[in-house]
N, C-alpha and C. Protein backbone atom coordinates (compact mmCIF):
# COMPACT_ATOMS: atom_id res chain seq x y z
N MET A 1 -16.59 -12.16 21.89
CA MET A 1 -16.88 -13.31 21.23
C MET A 1 -17.36 -14.17 22.65
N GLY A 2 -18.85 -14.84 22.04
CA GLY A 2 -19.59 -15.47 23.19
C GLY A 2 -19.04 -16.63 23.43
N THR A 3 -19.46 -17.63 24.23
CA THR A 3 -19.40 -18.94 24.65
C THR A 3 -19.36 -19.85 23.43
N ASN A 4 -20.54 -19.76 22.93
CA ASN A 4 -20.96 -20.55 21.79
C ASN A 4 -19.82 -20.17 20.59
N ASP A 5 -19.60 -19.06 20.08
CA ASP A 5 -18.58 -18.86 19.08
C ASP A 5 -17.28 -19.60 19.32
N ARG A 6 -16.97 -19.45 20.71
CA ARG A 6 -15.78 -20.13 21.25
C ARG A 6 -15.65 -21.66 20.98
N ALA A 7 -16.96 -22.16 21.54
CA ALA A 7 -17.26 -23.95 21.33
C ALA A 7 -17.10 -23.99 19.61
N VAL A 8 -17.76 -23.31 18.93
CA VAL A 8 -18.08 -23.63 17.53
C VAL A 8 -16.44 -23.67 16.85
N ILE A 9 -15.56 -22.61 17.26
CA ILE A 9 -14.25 -22.38 16.64
C ILE A 9 -13.42 -23.72 17.31
N SER A 10 -13.59 -23.97 18.26
CA SER A 10 -12.76 -24.99 19.09
C SER A 10 -13.16 -26.48 18.29
N LEU A 11 -14.45 -26.50 18.02
CA LEU A 11 -14.60 -27.78 17.50
C LEU A 11 -14.21 -27.84 16.19
N VAL A 12 -14.14 -26.66 15.30
CA VAL A 12 -13.69 -26.98 14.03
C VAL A 12 -12.13 -27.02 14.06
N LEU A 13 -11.53 -26.40 14.77
CA LEU A 13 -10.04 -26.59 14.95
C LEU A 13 -9.43 -28.25 15.25
N LEU A 14 -10.54 -28.60 16.26
CA LEU A 14 -10.22 -30.05 16.56
C LEU A 14 -10.67 -31.09 15.58
N VAL A 15 -11.49 -30.65 14.72
CA VAL A 15 -11.81 -31.59 13.65
C VAL A 15 -10.60 -31.29 12.51
N CYS A 16 -10.15 -30.18 12.43
CA CYS A 16 -9.06 -30.03 11.62
C CYS A 16 -7.60 -30.90 11.74
N ILE A 17 -7.50 -30.62 13.25
CA ILE A 17 -6.24 -31.47 13.63
C ILE A 17 -6.45 -33.00 13.68
N ALA A 18 -7.96 -33.45 14.13
CA ALA A 18 -7.96 -34.81 14.16
C ALA A 18 -8.00 -35.35 12.39
N SER A 19 -8.55 -34.68 11.69
CA SER A 19 -8.34 -35.10 10.49
C SER A 19 -6.74 -35.17 9.76
N ARG A 20 -6.11 -34.27 10.27
CA ARG A 20 -4.60 -34.37 9.97
C ARG A 20 -4.04 -35.47 10.32
N SER A 21 -3.99 -35.58 11.59
CA SER A 21 -3.18 -36.57 12.27
C SER A 21 -3.62 -37.86 11.74
N SER A 22 -4.94 -38.23 11.47
CA SER A 22 -5.42 -39.61 11.16
C SER A 22 -4.84 -39.82 9.65
N LEU A 23 -4.21 -38.84 9.09
CA LEU A 23 -3.83 -39.20 7.70
C LEU A 23 -2.39 -39.93 7.72
N GLY A 24 -1.85 -39.94 8.69
CA GLY A 24 -0.34 -40.34 8.66
C GLY A 24 0.52 -39.33 8.44
N ALA A 25 2.03 -39.75 9.03
CA ALA A 25 2.70 -38.78 8.88
C ALA A 25 3.94 -39.27 7.95
N ALA A 26 3.80 -39.96 7.02
CA ALA A 26 4.68 -40.45 6.08
C ALA A 26 4.78 -39.34 5.07
N GLU A 27 5.80 -38.97 4.35
CA GLU A 27 6.13 -37.81 3.55
C GLU A 27 5.69 -38.61 2.09
N THR A 28 5.79 -39.97 1.86
CA THR A 28 5.42 -40.43 0.61
C THR A 28 3.86 -40.34 0.38
N ASP A 29 3.09 -40.15 1.36
CA ASP A 29 1.55 -40.07 1.17
C ASP A 29 0.86 -38.62 0.84
N VAL A 30 1.95 -37.59 0.67
CA VAL A 30 1.43 -36.46 0.49
C VAL A 30 0.21 -36.44 -0.84
N GLU A 31 0.45 -36.94 -1.79
CA GLU A 31 -0.90 -36.95 -2.83
C GLU A 31 -2.03 -37.50 -2.13
N GLN A 32 -1.89 -38.76 -1.56
CA GLN A 32 -3.12 -39.20 -0.90
C GLN A 32 -3.58 -38.19 0.07
N LYS A 33 -3.01 -37.73 0.73
CA LYS A 33 -3.35 -36.53 1.84
C LYS A 33 -3.91 -35.36 1.07
N ARG A 34 -3.44 -34.86 -0.07
CA ARG A 34 -4.23 -33.79 -0.77
C ARG A 34 -5.45 -34.58 -1.50
N SER A 35 -5.49 -35.50 -1.87
CA SER A 35 -6.84 -35.91 -2.40
C SER A 35 -7.89 -36.36 -1.54
N SER A 36 -7.42 -36.38 -0.17
CA SER A 36 -8.31 -36.97 0.73
C SER A 36 -9.38 -35.67 1.39
N VAL A 37 -8.80 -34.47 0.90
CA VAL A 37 -9.83 -33.31 1.35
C VAL A 37 -9.65 -32.62 0.03
N PRO A 38 -10.50 -32.75 -0.71
CA PRO A 38 -10.53 -31.92 -2.19
C PRO A 38 -10.80 -30.38 -1.97
N LEU A 39 -11.63 -29.95 -1.10
CA LEU A 39 -11.96 -28.48 -0.96
C LEU A 39 -12.27 -28.18 0.43
N MET A 40 -12.53 -26.80 0.32
CA MET A 40 -12.87 -26.20 1.81
C MET A 40 -13.83 -25.13 1.39
N PHE A 41 -14.95 -25.11 1.98
CA PHE A 41 -15.78 -24.06 2.13
C PHE A 41 -15.52 -23.19 3.31
N VAL A 42 -15.27 -22.00 3.23
CA VAL A 42 -15.05 -20.96 4.40
C VAL A 42 -16.37 -19.85 4.35
N PHE A 43 -16.89 -19.62 5.53
CA PHE A 43 -17.78 -18.96 5.96
C PHE A 43 -17.45 -17.92 7.29
N GLY A 44 -16.95 -16.88 7.18
CA GLY A 44 -16.48 -16.23 8.27
C GLY A 44 -16.28 -14.65 7.97
N ASP A 45 -15.51 -14.20 9.21
CA ASP A 45 -15.52 -12.72 9.38
C ASP A 45 -14.21 -12.13 8.79
N SER A 46 -13.77 -11.06 9.24
CA SER A 46 -12.62 -10.54 8.86
C SER A 46 -11.22 -11.12 8.92
N LEU A 47 -11.21 -12.54 9.51
CA LEU A 47 -10.29 -13.07 9.54
C LEU A 47 -9.97 -14.15 8.55
N VAL A 48 -11.08 -14.17 7.50
CA VAL A 48 -10.78 -15.15 6.27
C VAL A 48 -11.65 -14.24 5.02
N ASP A 49 -12.14 -13.32 5.32
CA ASP A 49 -12.62 -12.38 3.97
C ASP A 49 -11.82 -10.92 4.33
N VAL A 50 -10.63 -10.97 3.34
CA VAL A 50 -10.10 -9.44 3.17
C VAL A 50 -10.59 -8.71 2.22
N GLY A 51 -11.62 -9.10 1.65
CA GLY A 51 -12.36 -8.34 0.50
C GLY A 51 -11.63 -8.56 -0.71
N ASN A 52 -12.24 -8.00 -1.82
CA ASN A 52 -11.73 -7.96 -3.00
C ASN A 52 -11.85 -6.72 -3.81
N ASN A 53 -11.40 -6.42 -4.96
CA ASN A 53 -11.60 -5.15 -5.74
C ASN A 53 -12.04 -5.57 -6.93
N ASN A 54 -12.82 -6.69 -7.38
CA ASN A 54 -13.30 -6.80 -8.47
C ASN A 54 -14.32 -6.03 -9.03
N PHE A 55 -15.02 -5.33 -8.03
CA PHE A 55 -16.22 -4.51 -8.53
C PHE A 55 -15.97 -2.84 -8.36
N LEU A 56 -14.87 -2.75 -8.07
CA LEU A 56 -14.74 -1.33 -7.77
C LEU A 56 -14.23 -0.55 -9.25
N PRO A 57 -14.65 0.65 -9.29
CA PRO A 57 -14.20 1.39 -10.51
C PRO A 57 -12.61 1.48 -10.67
N PRO A 58 -12.30 1.63 -11.93
CA PRO A 58 -10.87 1.61 -12.20
C PRO A 58 -9.77 2.33 -11.36
N PRO A 59 -9.91 3.41 -10.68
CA PRO A 59 -8.60 3.64 -9.65
C PRO A 59 -8.31 2.70 -8.89
N ALA A 60 -9.38 1.59 -8.37
CA ALA A 60 -8.80 0.64 -7.57
C ALA A 60 -7.87 -0.28 -8.19
N PRO A 61 -6.74 -0.83 -7.79
CA PRO A 61 -5.98 -1.92 -8.47
C PRO A 61 -6.59 -3.14 -8.65
N ARG A 62 -6.70 -3.61 -9.90
CA ARG A 62 -7.31 -5.02 -9.80
C ARG A 62 -6.11 -6.05 -10.32
N ALA A 63 -6.13 -6.87 -9.37
CA ALA A 63 -5.06 -8.06 -9.17
C ALA A 63 -3.70 -7.55 -9.46
N ALA A 64 -3.23 -6.76 -9.05
CA ALA A 64 -2.13 -5.94 -9.46
C ALA A 64 -0.95 -5.74 -8.14
N SER A 65 0.44 -5.81 -8.32
CA SER A 65 1.02 -5.73 -7.15
C SER A 65 0.73 -4.22 -6.37
N PRO A 66 1.02 -4.39 -4.92
CA PRO A 66 1.72 -5.44 -4.31
C PRO A 66 0.82 -6.13 -3.51
N TYR A 67 -0.24 -6.21 -4.03
CA TYR A 67 -1.50 -7.34 -3.31
C TYR A 67 -1.00 -8.80 -3.74
N GLY A 68 -0.72 -9.39 -2.65
CA GLY A 68 -0.22 -11.02 -3.12
C GLY A 68 1.21 -11.19 -3.43
N ILE A 69 1.78 -10.08 -2.90
CA ILE A 69 3.27 -10.01 -3.42
C ILE A 69 4.12 -11.48 -2.52
N ASP A 70 3.90 -11.72 -1.35
CA ASP A 70 4.35 -12.61 -0.58
C ASP A 70 3.99 -14.14 -1.12
N PHE A 71 3.06 -14.30 -2.22
CA PHE A 71 2.84 -15.40 -2.64
C PHE A 71 3.81 -15.92 -3.74
N PRO A 72 4.41 -16.96 -3.63
CA PRO A 72 5.51 -17.37 -4.55
C PRO A 72 4.63 -17.33 -6.15
N ALA A 73 5.29 -17.26 -6.97
CA ALA A 73 4.86 -17.13 -8.37
C ALA A 73 4.20 -18.23 -8.99
N GLY A 74 3.11 -18.25 -9.49
CA GLY A 74 2.41 -19.36 -9.98
C GLY A 74 1.57 -20.12 -8.97
N THR A 75 1.59 -19.61 -7.72
CA THR A 75 0.74 -20.41 -6.70
C THR A 75 -0.69 -19.72 -6.92
N PRO A 76 -1.27 -20.46 -6.14
CA PRO A 76 -3.09 -20.15 -6.07
C PRO A 76 -3.00 -18.83 -5.50
N GLY A 77 -3.57 -17.71 -5.62
CA GLY A 77 -3.62 -16.48 -4.92
C GLY A 77 -2.60 -15.60 -5.18
N ALA A 78 -1.83 -15.74 -6.08
CA ALA A 78 -0.71 -14.90 -6.29
C ALA A 78 -1.00 -13.58 -7.13
N VAL A 79 -0.77 -12.76 -6.51
CA VAL A 79 -1.38 -11.18 -7.10
C VAL A 79 -2.64 -11.58 -7.58
N SER A 80 -3.32 -11.69 -6.18
CA SER A 80 -4.96 -12.18 -6.12
C SER A 80 -5.73 -11.10 -6.43
N GLY A 81 -5.70 -9.89 -6.10
CA GLY A 81 -6.68 -8.90 -6.29
C GLY A 81 -7.40 -8.74 -4.70
N ARG A 82 -6.86 -9.52 -3.81
CA ARG A 82 -7.78 -9.14 -2.65
C ARG A 82 -6.73 -8.35 -1.80
N PHE A 83 -7.22 -7.66 -0.82
CA PHE A 83 -6.89 -6.39 -0.10
C PHE A 83 -5.78 -7.19 1.12
N THR A 84 -4.83 -7.87 0.67
CA THR A 84 -3.97 -8.59 1.71
C THR A 84 -2.68 -8.87 0.92
N ASN A 85 -1.62 -8.92 1.91
CA ASN A 85 -0.16 -8.85 1.16
C ASN A 85 0.16 -10.49 1.31
N GLY A 86 -0.76 -11.46 1.83
CA GLY A 86 0.00 -12.89 2.16
C GLY A 86 -1.56 -13.70 2.27
N TYR A 87 -1.12 -14.79 3.07
CA TYR A 87 -2.14 -15.78 3.06
C TYR A 87 -2.73 -15.05 4.45
N ASN A 88 -4.08 -15.78 4.59
CA ASN A 88 -5.17 -15.20 5.49
C ASN A 88 -5.26 -16.83 6.44
N LEU A 89 -6.09 -16.54 7.19
CA LEU A 89 -6.43 -17.97 8.27
C LEU A 89 -6.95 -18.92 7.30
N ALA A 90 -7.76 -18.46 6.42
CA ALA A 90 -8.45 -20.09 5.59
C ALA A 90 -7.27 -20.29 4.46
N ASP A 91 -6.30 -19.59 4.25
CA ASP A 91 -5.28 -20.32 3.49
C ASP A 91 -4.44 -21.01 4.32
N LEU A 92 -3.99 -20.63 5.48
CA LEU A 92 -3.00 -21.32 6.14
C LEU A 92 -3.63 -22.60 6.58
N VAL A 93 -5.19 -22.78 6.79
CA VAL A 93 -5.61 -23.91 7.36
C VAL A 93 -5.66 -25.06 5.86
N GLY A 94 -5.86 -24.48 4.79
CA GLY A 94 -5.88 -25.11 3.50
C GLY A 94 -4.39 -25.61 3.34
N ILE A 95 -3.26 -25.01 3.49
CA ILE A 95 -2.14 -25.51 3.29
C ILE A 95 -1.77 -26.61 4.52
N TYR A 96 -2.48 -26.36 5.75
CA TYR A 96 -1.97 -27.41 6.86
C TYR A 96 -2.86 -28.67 6.52
N ILE A 97 -4.08 -28.71 5.91
CA ILE A 97 -4.63 -29.97 5.47
C ILE A 97 -4.51 -30.40 4.24
N TYR A 98 -3.59 -29.87 3.61
CA TYR A 98 -2.98 -30.26 2.13
C TYR A 98 -4.20 -30.13 1.27
N ILE A 99 -4.75 -29.15 1.12
CA ILE A 99 -5.74 -28.68 -0.09
C ILE A 99 -4.62 -28.17 -0.96
N PHE A 100 -3.86 -27.01 -0.68
CA PHE A 100 -3.02 -26.76 -1.56
C PHE A 100 -1.86 -26.33 -0.99
N THR A 101 -0.60 -26.40 -1.65
CA THR A 101 0.60 -25.99 -0.87
C THR A 101 1.34 -24.84 -1.49
N THR A 102 2.28 -24.42 -0.81
CA THR A 102 2.90 -23.00 -1.25
C THR A 102 4.01 -23.29 -2.14
């Protein structure tokens, strides 16, 4: 990882932390916090792209267990069809900045 990559990652994390801290700490403002960041676009590498199996032929599991088994039932991504058992880095950032909850 080059110096520029580390600088960009540091800047993104700083912006995420700054936006979270500027929203306040009161628990009653959760709905306001969720609406202040409506969505997140993620462009990345293997830390955020765990692949999907939507275009593979039938022997591959399509949105079936055990993939996504660690997600509570009814949450975004539950039995997701992604080749991961739980949350990835982008999911954790989304939870942290109140885009969606667990």
